[in-house]
């Protein structure tokens, strides 16, 4: 299916869901066309279209939003006047209040939010799943049609190596509530100045280090943030620097493998994603020196 076909399919789901929920979707604008399709609608509403058969995940996102807001962590809020989720062709659609004119958080703002999040006691009225870092990672490698068999073989062997290295890590003494996709774009700052958490589908229970890895890798492997910005993140989190943790490289390698798998998952339908996936694989295989430059998809 072409990229335009993907968009048309998501738009069709949106229009049907909007009709079922009596929402005006005329002139909807695509915000993101990733693992979820996200649209901005009139009247300050954002529609988030989940993957097929992810109704329970969408339900949990709604409950997580309410729970985090009750516990003092500002989080994107659902539109309470609409029964949710709306189901169309096994795809759940959730409706959220638009956060206008926001900017990505600074590293320090992200560090402060994560410090608070990681101290929360998990909810008792619903269960958070354990974080599963390898979910959905192998399949894109196996199904990609744009890579060489040599690259596929290397990636599958690397996947096996990473699973073994991960299994050899000591169990965390205190698993905590974690966001699961903690980067500056998922904590946004509106004109009110209060950083607000987005993208709740991966909120789970697991190692706190997972929530510290993305920005640490941005610093060590990509140089996307400066030394001072990274130190600001560490200080705001409470002084714990995950790059000094003995398991850092294991989690960092897994995170980068996940980013490669994401590109591969889109490579069969988008030439730009195929080109980017090829570059990312070359980086992992040591053919491109660090710091790396990877393009967003």
C-alpha atoms as a PDB file:
ATOM      1  CA  UNK A   1       0.000   0.000   0.000  1.00  0.00           C
ATOM      2  CA  UNK A   2       1.295   3.460  -0.833  1.00  0.00           C
ATOM      3  CA  UNK A   3       1.836   6.152   1.717  1.00  0.00           C
ATOM      4  CA  UNK A   4      -1.173   8.022   0.339  1.00  0.00           C
ATOM      5  CA  UNK A   5      -3.200   4.826   0.752  1.00  0.00           C
ATOM      6  CA  UNK A   6      -2.154   4.684   4.379  1.00  0.00           C
ATOM      7  CA  UNK A   7      -3.277   8.259   4.913  1.00  0.00           C
ATOM      8  CA  UNK A   8      -6.587   7.640   3.151  1.00  0.00           C
ATOM      9  CA  UNK A   9      -7.219   4.602   5.323  1.00  0.00           C
ATOM     10  CA  UNK A  10      -6.525   6.543   8.517  1.00  0.00           C
ATOM     11  CA  UNK A  11      -8.677   9.403   7.268  1.00  0.00           C
ATOM     12  CA  UNK A  12     -11.514   7.004   6.555  1.00  0.00           C
ATOM     13  CA  UNK A  13     -11.283   5.578  10.067  1.00  0.00           C
ATOM     14  CA  UNK A  14     -11.255   9.118  11.449  1.00  0.00           C
ATOM     15  CA  UNK A  15     -14.317  10.200   9.460  1.00  0.00           C
ATOM     16  CA  UNK A  16     -16.324   7.127  10.448  1.00  0.00           C
ATOM     17  CA  UNK A  17     -15.347   7.477  14.097  1.00  0.00           C
ATOM     18  CA  UNK A  18     -16.206  11.193  14.055  1.00  0.00           C
ATOM     19  CA  UNK A  19     -19.652  10.432  12.663  1.00  0.00           C
ATOM     20  CA  UNK A  20     -20.238   7.790  15.357  1.00  0.00           C
ATOM     21  CA  UNK A  21     -19.159  10.260  18.049  1.00  0.00           C
ATOM     22  CA  UNK A  22     -20.925  13.291  16.551  1.00  0.00           C
ATOM     23  CA  UNK A  23     -17.658  15.206  16.113  1.00  0.00           C
ATOM     24  CA  UNK A  24     -16.818  17.664  13.349  1.00  0.00           C
ATOM     25  CA  UNK A  25     -13.825  16.286  11.444  1.00  0.00           C
ATOM     26  CA  UNK A  26     -14.061  18.631   8.465  1.00  0.00           C
ATOM     27  CA  UNK A  27     -10.614  19.955   7.560  1.00  0.00           C
ATOM     28  CA  UNK A  28      -8.736  17.586   9.877  1.00  0.00           C
ATOM     29  CA  UNK A  29      -4.965  18.073   9.718  1.00  0.00           C
ATOM     30  CA  UNK A  30      -2.479  15.217  10.087  1.00  0.00           C
ATOM     31  CA  UNK A  31      -0.143  15.749  13.037  1.00  0.00           C
ATOM     32  CA  UNK A  32       1.653  12.423  12.836  1.00  0.00           C
ATOM     33  CA  UNK A  33       1.508   9.342  10.648  1.00  0.00           C
ATOM     34  CA  UNK A  34       3.561   6.915  12.713  1.00  0.00           C
ATOM     35  CA  UNK A  35       2.629   3.867  14.758  1.00  0.00           C
ATOM     36  CA  UNK A  36      -0.483   5.893  15.578  1.00  0.00           C
ATOM     37  CA  UNK A  37      -2.237   8.285  13.216  1.00  0.00           C
ATOM     38  CA  UNK A  38      -2.933  11.604  14.965  1.00  0.00           C
ATOM     39  CA  UNK A  39      -5.146  14.378  13.611  1.00  0.00           C
ATOM     40  CA  UNK A  40      -5.969  17.889  14.748  1.00  0.00           C
ATOM     41  CA  UNK A  41      -9.691  18.612  14.400  1.00  0.00           C
ATOM     42  CA  UNK A  42     -11.720  21.780  14.735  1.00  0.00           C
ATOM     43  CA  UNK A  43     -12.843  22.904  18.186  1.00  0.00           C
ATOM     44  CA  UNK A  44      -9.567  22.027  19.895  1.00  0.00           C
ATOM     45  CA  UNK A  45      -9.818  18.241  19.599  1.00  0.00           C
ATOM     46  CA  UNK A  46      -7.048  15.789  18.715  1.00  0.00           C
ATOM     47  CA  UNK A  47      -7.930  12.319  17.422  1.00  0.00           C
ATOM     48  CA  UNK A  48      -5.526   9.448  18.045  1.00  0.00           C
ATOM     49  CA  UNK A  49      -6.067   6.305  15.974  1.00  0.00           C
ATOM     50  CA  UNK A  50      -4.573   3.177  17.484  1.00  0.00           C
ATOM     51  CA  UNK A  51      -3.271   0.033  15.852  1.00  0.00           C
ATOM     52  CA  UNK A  52      -5.752  -2.743  15.013  1.00  0.00           C
ATOM     53  CA  UNK A  53      -6.837  -4.803  18.018  1.00  0.00           C
ATOM     54  CA  UNK A  54      -5.436  -2.309  20.536  1.00  0.00           C
ATOM     55  CA  UNK A  55      -8.720  -1.379  22.223  1.00  0.00           C
ATOM     56  CA  UNK A  56      -7.516  -2.364  25.691  1.00  0.00           C
ATOM     57  CA  UNK A  57      -4.364  -0.291  25.255  1.00  0.00           C
ATOM     58  CA  UNK A  58      -6.488   2.721  24.299  1.00  0.00           C
ATOM     59  CA  UNK A  59      -8.688   2.181  27.346  1.00  0.00           C
ATOM     60  CA  UNK A  60      -5.605   2.031  29.540  1.00  0.00           C
ATOM     61  CA  UNK A  61      -4.252   5.285  28.041  1.00  0.00           C
ATOM     62  CA  UNK A  62      -7.457   7.055  29.070  1.00  0.00           C
ATOM     63  CA  UNK A  63      -7.163   5.741  32.618  1.00  0.00           C
ATOM     64  CA  UNK A  64      -3.462   6.582  32.800  1.00  0.00           C
ATOM     65  CA  UNK A  65      -4.217  10.171  31.804  1.00  0.00           C
ATOM     66  CA  UNK A  66      -6.735  10.533  34.620  1.00  0.00           C
ATOM     67  CA  UNK A  67      -4.431   8.811  37.115  1.00  0.00           C
ATOM     68  CA  UNK A  68      -1.368  10.923  36.320  1.00  0.00           C
ATOM     69  CA  UNK A  69      -3.337  14.158  36.470  1.00  0.00           C
ATOM     70  CA  UNK A  70      -4.768  13.132  39.853  1.00  0.00           C
ATOM     71  CA  UNK A  71      -1.214  12.500  41.052  1.00  0.00           C
ATOM     72  CA  UNK A  72       0.068  15.922  40.113  1.00  0.00           C
ATOM     73  CA  UNK A  73       1.783  15.149  36.795  1.00  0.00           C
ATOM     74  CA  UNK A  74       0.211  17.289  34.077  1.00  0.00           C
ATOM     75  CA  UNK A  75      -0.829  15.011  31.242  1.00  0.00           C
ATOM     76  CA  UNK A  76      -2.820  15.380  28.028  1.00  0.00           C
ATOM     77  CA  UNK A  77      -6.523  15.140  28.911  1.00  0.00           C
ATOM     78  CA  UNK A  78      -9.261  13.231  27.132  1.00  0.00           C
ATOM     79  CA  UNK A  79     -12.432  14.975  25.970  1.00  0.00           C
ATOM     80  CA  UNK A  80     -14.767  13.892  28.754  1.00  0.00           C
ATOM     81  CA  UNK A  81     -17.986  14.656  26.876  1.00  0.00           C
ATOM     82  CA  UNK A  82     -17.335  11.880  24.345  1.00  0.00           C
ATOM     83  CA  UNK A  83     -17.711   8.154  25.190  1.00  0.00           C
ATOM     84  CA  UNK A  84     -14.327   6.559  24.508  1.00  0.00           C
ATOM     85  CA  UNK A  85     -12.684   4.779  22.779  1.00  0.00           C
ATOM     86  CA  UNK A  86     -14.623   4.773  19.504  1.00  0.00           C
ATOM     87  CA  UNK A  87     -14.030   1.522  17.609  1.00  0.00           C
ATOM     88  CA  UNK A  88     -13.825   1.393  13.791  1.00  0.00           C
ATOM     89  CA  UNK A  89     -12.595  -1.737  11.997  1.00  0.00           C
ATOM     90  CA  UNK A  90     -10.905  -2.972  15.195  1.00  0.00           C
ATOM     91  CA  UNK A  91      -8.996   0.322  15.504  1.00  0.00           C
ATOM     92  CA  UNK A  92      -9.693   2.383  18.632  1.00  0.00           C
ATOM     93  CA  UNK A  93     -10.006   6.136  18.259  1.00  0.00           C
ATOM     94  CA  UNK A  94      -9.511   8.336  21.305  1.00  0.00           C
ATOM     95  CA  UNK A  95     -10.296  12.039  21.529  1.00  0.00           C
ATOM     96  CA  UNK A  96      -8.023  14.461  23.387  1.00  0.00           C
ATOM     97  CA  UNK A  97      -7.883  18.151  24.247  1.00  0.00           C
ATOM     98  CA  UNK A  98      -5.500  20.076  22.000  1.00  0.00           C
ATOM     99  CA  UNK A  99      -2.445  21.624  23.669  1.00  0.00           C
ATOM    100  CA  UNK A 100      -1.894  24.797  21.616  1.00  0.00           C
ATOM    101  CA  UNK A 101       1.366  26.485  20.709  1.00  0.00           C
ATOM    102  CA  UNK A 102       3.542  24.110  22.678  1.00  0.00           C
ATOM    103  CA  UNK A 103       7.271  23.510  22.444  1.00  0.00           C
ATOM    104  CA  UNK A 104       9.333  20.423  23.277  1.00  0.00           C
ATOM    105  CA  UNK A 105      10.629  20.315  26.824  1.00  0.00           C
ATOM    106  CA  UNK A 106      14.210  21.056  27.712  1.00  0.00           C
ATOM    107  CA  UNK A 107      16.367  18.191  28.991  1.00  0.00           C
ATOM    108  CA  UNK A 108      16.086  19.607  32.518  1.00  0.00           C
ATOM    109  CA  UNK A 109      12.281  19.786  32.306  1.00  0.00           C
ATOM    110  CA  UNK A 110      12.203  16.181  31.135  1.00  0.00           C
ATOM    111  CA  UNK A 111      14.497  15.117  33.977  1.00  0.00           C
ATOM    112  CA  UNK A 112      12.279  16.762  36.599  1.00  0.00           C
ATOM    113  CA  UNK A 113       9.141  15.093  35.257  1.00  0.00           C
ATOM    114  CA  UNK A 114      10.773  11.666  35.167  1.00  0.00           C
ATOM    115  CA  UNK A 115      12.043  12.052  38.710  1.00  0.00           C
ATOM    116  CA  UNK A 116       8.462  12.638  39.883  1.00  0.00           C
ATOM    117  CA  UNK A 117       7.009   9.891  37.696  1.00  0.00           C
ATOM    118  CA  UNK A 118       9.446   7.275  38.965  1.00  0.00           C
ATOM    119  CA  UNK A 119       8.448   7.921  42.584  1.00  0.00           C
ATOM    120  CA  UNK A 120       4.764   7.160  42.008  1.00  0.00           C
ATOM    121  CA  UNK A 121       3.211   4.025  43.434  1.00  0.00           C
ATOM    122  CA  UNK A 122       1.581   2.064  40.586  1.00  0.00           C
ATOM    123  CA  UNK A 123      -2.208   2.417  40.394  1.00  0.00           C
ATOM    124  CA  UNK A 124      -4.325  -0.115  42.245  1.00  0.00           C
ATOM    125  CA  UNK A 125      -7.589   0.221  40.296  1.00  0.00           C
ATOM    126  CA  UNK A 126      -6.012  -0.935  37.032  1.00  0.00           C
ATOM    127  CA  UNK A 127      -2.806  -2.728  36.101  1.00  0.00           C
ATOM    128  CA  UNK A 128       0.165  -1.320  34.241  1.00  0.00           C
ATOM    129  CA  UNK A 129       1.904  -3.917  32.045  1.00  0.00           C
ATOM    130  CA  UNK A 130       5.586  -4.779  32.452  1.00  0.00           C
ATOM    131  CA  UNK A 131       7.757  -2.927  29.957  1.00  0.00           C
ATOM    132  CA  UNK A 132       8.606  -5.183  27.015  1.00  0.00           C
ATOM    133  CA  UNK A 133      11.573  -3.724  25.107  1.00  0.00           C
ATOM    134  CA  UNK A 134      11.601  -6.406  22.416  1.00  0.00           C
ATOM    135  CA  UNK A 135       7.917  -6.289  21.498  1.00  0.00           C
ATOM    136  CA  UNK A 136       7.463  -5.647  17.781  1.00  0.00           C
ATOM    137  CA  UNK A 137      11.198  -5.501  17.093  1.00  0.00           C
ATOM    138  CA  UNK A 138      11.924  -8.774  15.282  1.00  0.00           C
ATOM    139  CA  UNK A 139       8.967  -8.699  12.882  1.00  0.00           C
ATOM    140  CA  UNK A 140      10.055  -5.655  10.815  1.00  0.00           C
ATOM    141  CA  UNK A 141      13.494  -7.202  10.341  1.00  0.00           C
ATOM    142  CA  UNK A 142      11.988 -10.439   9.064  1.00  0.00           C
ATOM    143  CA  UNK A 143       9.450  -8.803   6.740  1.00  0.00           C
ATOM    144  CA  UNK A 144      11.525  -5.958   5.273  1.00  0.00           C
ATOM    145  CA  UNK A 145      11.888  -6.278   1.488  1.00  0.00           C
ATOM    146  CA  UNK A 146      14.343  -3.419   0.994  1.00  0.00           C
ATOM    147  CA  UNK A 147      17.417  -4.776   2.811  1.00  0.00           C
ATOM    148  CA  UNK A 148      20.031  -7.280   1.752  1.00  0.00           C
ATOM    149  CA  UNK A 149      19.991 -10.792   3.145  1.00  0.00           C
ATOM    150  CA  UNK A 150      23.398 -10.094   4.647  1.00  0.00           C
ATOM    151  CA  UNK A 151      21.950  -7.161   6.618  1.00  0.00           C
ATOM    152  CA  UNK A 152      18.930  -9.198   7.637  1.00  0.00           C
ATOM    153  CA  UNK A 153      21.123 -12.030   8.861  1.00  0.00           C
ATOM    154  CA  UNK A 154      23.289  -9.616  10.853  1.00  0.00           C
ATOM    155  CA  UNK A 155      20.259  -7.910  12.383  1.00  0.00           C
ATOM    156  CA  UNK A 156      18.681 -11.203  13.455  1.00  0.00           C
ATOM    157  CA  UNK A 157      21.965 -12.303  15.006  1.00  0.00           C
ATOM    158  CA  UNK A 158      22.259  -8.940  16.758  1.00  0.00           C
ATOM    159  CA  UNK A 159      18.696  -9.290  18.015  1.00  0.00           C
ATOM    160  CA  UNK A 160      19.610 -12.644  19.575  1.00  0.00           C
ATOM    161  CA  UNK A 161      22.769 -11.158  21.120  1.00  0.00           C
ATOM    162  CA  UNK A 162      20.852  -8.256  22.618  1.00  0.00           C
ATOM    163  CA  UNK A 163      18.217 -10.533  24.121  1.00  0.00           C
ATOM    164  CA  UNK A 164      20.931 -12.639  25.743  1.00  0.00           C
ATOM    165  CA  UNK A 165      22.764  -9.580  27.093  1.00  0.00           C
ATOM    166  CA  UNK A 166      19.515  -8.175  28.446  1.00  0.00           C
ATOM    167  CA  UNK A 167      18.590 -11.443  30.141  1.00  0.00           C
ATOM    168  CA  UNK A 168      21.980 -11.418  31.870  1.00  0.00           C
ATOM    169  CA  UNK A 169      21.358  -8.052  33.541  1.00  0.00           C
ATOM    170  CA  UNK A 170      20.526  -8.090  37.230  1.00  0.00           C
ATOM    171  CA  UNK A 171      16.849  -7.650  38.001  1.00  0.00           C
ATOM    172  CA  UNK A 172      16.022  -4.126  39.200  1.00  0.00           C
ATOM    173  CA  UNK A 173      15.548  -3.966  42.961  1.00  0.00           C
ATOM    174  CA  UNK A 174      12.590  -1.623  42.622  1.00  0.00           C
ATOM    175  CA  UNK A 175      10.713  -1.605  39.293  1.00  0.00           C
ATOM    176  CA  UNK A 176       8.966   1.733  38.877  1.00  0.00           C
ATOM    177  CA  UNK A 177       6.269   3.435  36.870  1.00  0.00           C
ATOM    178  CA  UNK A 178       7.889   4.512  33.594  1.00  0.00           C
ATOM    179  CA  UNK A 179       6.780   6.418  30.522  1.00  0.00           C
ATOM    180  CA  UNK A 180       8.369   4.047  28.027  1.00  0.00           C
ATOM    181  CA  UNK A 181       9.053   6.647  25.305  1.00  0.00           C
ATOM    182  CA  UNK A 182      10.648   9.487  27.238  1.00  0.00           C
ATOM    183  CA  UNK A 183      12.031  12.079  24.874  1.00  0.00           C
ATOM    184  CA  UNK A 184      11.650  15.842  24.717  1.00  0.00           C
ATOM    185  CA  UNK A 185       8.836  15.705  22.163  1.00  0.00           C
ATOM    186  CA  UNK A 186       6.664  13.653  24.507  1.00  0.00           C
ATOM    187  CA  UNK A 187       6.832  16.294  27.238  1.00  0.00           C
ATOM    188  CA  UNK A 188       5.602  19.559  25.795  1.00  0.00           C
ATOM    189  CA  UNK A 189       5.379  23.018  27.304  1.00  0.00           C
ATOM    190  CA  UNK A 190       2.312  25.153  26.453  1.00  0.00           C
ATOM    191  CA  UNK A 191       2.017  28.919  27.030  1.00  0.00           C
ATOM    192  CA  UNK A 192       0.935  28.203  30.618  1.00  0.00           C
ATOM    193  CA  UNK A 193       4.475  26.960  31.220  1.00  0.00           C
ATOM    194  CA  UNK A 194       3.470  23.645  32.792  1.00  0.00           C
ATOM    195  CA  UNK A 195       5.203  20.695  31.053  1.00  0.00           C
ATOM    196  CA  UNK A 196       2.567  18.214  29.901  1.00  0.00           C
ATOM    197  CA  UNK A 197       3.070  14.519  29.181  1.00  0.00           C
ATOM    198  CA  UNK A 198       1.985  13.041  25.825  1.00  0.00           C
ATOM    199  CA  UNK A 199       1.852   9.545  24.282  1.00  0.00           C
ATOM    200  CA  UNK A 200       0.742   7.230  27.058  1.00  0.00           C
ATOM    201  CA  UNK A 201       0.559   3.904  25.210  1.00  0.00           C
ATOM    202  CA  UNK A 202       3.890   2.655  26.576  1.00  0.00           C
ATOM    203  CA  UNK A 203       3.417   3.711  30.207  1.00  0.00           C
ATOM    204  CA  UNK A 204       4.322   0.604  32.155  1.00  0.00           C
ATOM    205  CA  UNK A 205       6.349  -0.802  35.042  1.00  0.00           C
ATOM    206  CA  UNK A 206      10.043  -1.559  34.629  1.00  0.00           C
ATOM    207  CA  UNK A 207      13.601  -0.297  34.938  1.00  0.00           C
ATOM    208  CA  UNK A 208      13.879   3.429  35.482  1.00  0.00           C
ATOM    209  CA  UNK A 209      16.921   3.353  33.198  1.00  0.00           C
ATOM    210  CA  UNK A 210      14.695   2.851  30.147  1.00  0.00           C
ATOM    211  CA  UNK A 211      13.293   6.345  30.619  1.00  0.00           C
ATOM    212  CA  UNK A 212      16.810   7.788  30.881  1.00  0.00           C
ATOM    213  CA  UNK A 213      18.307   5.997  27.889  1.00  0.00           C
ATOM    214  CA  UNK A 214      16.901   8.008  24.999  1.00  0.00           C
ATOM    215  CA  UNK A 215      18.286  11.363  26.068  1.00  0.00           C
ATOM    216  CA  UNK A 216      21.554   9.762  27.192  1.00  0.00           C
ATOM    217  CA  UNK A 217      21.984   8.199  23.746  1.00  0.00           C
ATOM    218  CA  UNK A 218      21.130  11.538  22.168  1.00  0.00           C
ATOM    219  CA  UNK A 219      24.129  12.881  24.052  1.00  0.00           C
ATOM    220  CA  UNK A 220      26.673  10.072  23.756  1.00  0.00           C
ATOM    221  CA  UNK A 221      26.006   8.668  20.288  1.00  0.00           C
ATOM    222  CA  UNK A 222      24.317  11.501  18.350  1.00  0.00           C
ATOM    223  CA  UNK A 223      25.523  14.722  20.049  1.00  0.00           C
ATOM    224  CA  UNK A 224      22.007  16.158  19.696  1.00  0.00           C
ATOM    225  CA  UNK A 225      22.358  17.831  23.067  1.00  0.00           C
ATOM    226  CA  UNK A 226      25.364  19.539  24.612  1.00  0.00           C
ATOM    227  CA  UNK A 227      27.340  18.485  27.664  1.00  0.00           C
ATOM    228  CA  UNK A 228      25.662  21.251  29.680  1.00  0.00           C
ATOM    229  CA  UNK A 229      22.174  20.207  28.555  1.00  0.00           C
ATOM    230  CA  UNK A 230      22.822  16.601  29.474  1.00  0.00           C
ATOM    231  CA  UNK A 231      24.217  17.591  32.858  1.00  0.00           C
ATOM    232  CA  UNK A 232      21.088  19.676  33.379  1.00  0.00           C
ATOM    233  CA  UNK A 233      19.015  16.548  32.734  1.00  0.00           C
ATOM    234  CA  UNK A 234      21.090  14.513  35.201  1.00  0.00           C
ATOM    235  CA  UNK A 235      20.899  17.213  37.870  1.00  0.00           C
ATOM    236  CA  UNK A 236      17.145  17.649  37.430  1.00  0.00           C
ATOM    237  CA  UNK A 237      16.636  13.905  37.758  1.00  0.00           C
ATOM    238  CA  UNK A 238      18.491  13.911  41.061  1.00  0.00           C
ATOM    239  CA  UNK A 239      22.101  13.304  40.071  1.00  0.00           C
ATOM    240  CA  UNK A 240      21.824   9.774  38.672  1.00  0.00           C
ATOM    241  CA  UNK A 241      23.715   9.490  35.371  1.00  0.00           C
ATOM    242  CA  UNK A 242      22.610   6.360  33.519  1.00  0.00           C
ATOM    243  CA  UNK A 243      25.738   6.418  31.349  1.00  0.00           C
ATOM    244  CA  UNK A 244      27.703   5.361  34.455  1.00  0.00           C
ATOM    245  CA  UNK A 245      25.439   2.359  35.072  1.00  0.00           C
ATOM    246  CA  UNK A 246      27.138  -0.943  34.062  1.00  0.00           C
ATOM    247  CA  UNK A 247      24.155  -1.957  31.906  1.00  0.00           C
ATOM    248  CA  UNK A 248      24.020   1.313  29.995  1.00  0.00           C
ATOM    249  CA  UNK A 249      25.468   0.021  26.749  1.00  0.00           C
ATOM    250  CA  UNK A 250      23.078  -2.939  26.687  1.00  0.00           C
ATOM    251  CA  UNK A 251      20.010  -0.726  26.927  1.00  0.00           C
ATOM    252  CA  UNK A 252      21.500   1.848  24.571  1.00  0.00           C
ATOM    253  CA  UNK A 253      22.125  -0.815  21.916  1.00  0.00           C
ATOM    254  CA  UNK A 254      18.586  -2.147  22.321  1.00  0.00           C
ATOM    255  CA  UNK A 255      17.128   1.351  21.993  1.00  0.00           C
ATOM    256  CA  UNK A 256      19.073   1.996  18.806  1.00  0.00           C
ATOM    257  CA  UNK A 257      18.019  -1.387  17.443  1.00  0.00           C
ATOM    258  CA  UNK A 258      14.394  -0.392  18.133  1.00  0.00           C
ATOM    259  CA  UNK A 259      14.886   2.788  16.095  1.00  0.00           C
ATOM    260  CA  UNK A 260      16.245   0.707  13.227  1.00  0.00           C
ATOM    261  CA  UNK A 261      13.258  -1.640  13.445  1.00  0.00           C
ATOM    262  CA  UNK A 262      10.896   1.351  13.336  1.00  0.00           C
ATOM    263  CA  UNK A 263      12.503   2.549  10.101  1.00  0.00           C
ATOM    264  CA  UNK A 264      12.331  -0.969   8.649  1.00  0.00           C
ATOM    265  CA  UNK A 265       8.648  -1.169   9.535  1.00  0.00           C
ATOM    266  CA  UNK A 266       8.017   1.736   7.184  1.00  0.00           C
ATOM    267  CA  UNK A 267      10.624   0.890   4.553  1.00  0.00           C
ATOM    268  CA  UNK A 268       8.409  -1.330   2.392  1.00  0.00           C
ATOM    269  CA  UNK A 269       6.043   1.595   1.777  1.00  0.00           C
ATOM    270  CA  UNK A 270       8.307   4.655   1.787  1.00  0.00           C
ATOM    271  CA  UNK A 271      11.555   5.044  -0.130  1.00  0.00           C
ATOM    272  CA  UNK A 272      12.767   7.679   2.321  1.00  0.00           C
ATOM    273  CA  UNK A 273      12.304   5.202   5.174  1.00  0.00           C
ATOM    274  CA  UNK A 274      14.142   2.491   3.211  1.00  0.00           C
ATOM    275  CA  UNK A 275      17.070   4.838   2.628  1.00  0.00           C
ATOM    276  CA  UNK A 276      17.111   5.861   6.282  1.00  0.00           C
ATOM    277  CA  UNK A 277      16.911   2.238   7.440  1.00  0.00           C
ATOM    278  CA  UNK A 278      19.911   1.359   5.277  1.00  0.00           C
ATOM    279  CA  UNK A 279      21.890   4.212   6.845  1.00  0.00           C
ATOM    280  CA  UNK A 280      20.911   3.207  10.389  1.00  0.00           C
ATOM    281  CA  UNK A 281      21.918  -0.394   9.761  1.00  0.00           C
ATOM    282  CA  UNK A 282      25.304   0.781   8.474  1.00  0.00           C
ATOM    283  CA  UNK A 283      25.724   2.746  11.700  1.00  0.00           C
ATOM    284  CA  UNK A 284      24.936  -0.255  13.879  1.00  0.00           C
ATOM    285  CA  UNK A 285      27.333  -2.387  11.882  1.00  0.00           C
ATOM    286  CA  UNK A 286      30.176   0.046  12.554  1.00  0.00           C
ATOM    287  CA  UNK A 287      30.421   1.387   8.998  1.00  0.00           C
ATOM    288  CA  UNK A 288      29.611   4.973  10.017  1.00  0.00           C
ATOM    289  CA  UNK A 289      31.584   6.660  12.806  1.00  0.00           C
ATOM    290  CA  UNK A 290      29.874   8.366  15.709  1.00  0.00           C
ATOM    291  CA  UNK A 291      28.347  10.832  16.282  1.00  0.00           C
ATOM    292  CA  UNK A 292      25.570   9.608  14.031  1.00  0.00           C
ATOM    293  CA  UNK A 293      22.948  11.679  12.245  1.00  0.00           C
ATOM    294  CA  UNK A 294      19.603   9.937  11.806  1.00  0.00           C
ATOM    295  CA  UNK A 295      16.643  11.615  10.141  1.00  0.00           C
ATOM    296  CA  UNK A 296      13.227  11.581  11.788  1.00  0.00           C
ATOM    297  CA  UNK A 297      10.536   9.521  10.088  1.00  0.00           C
END
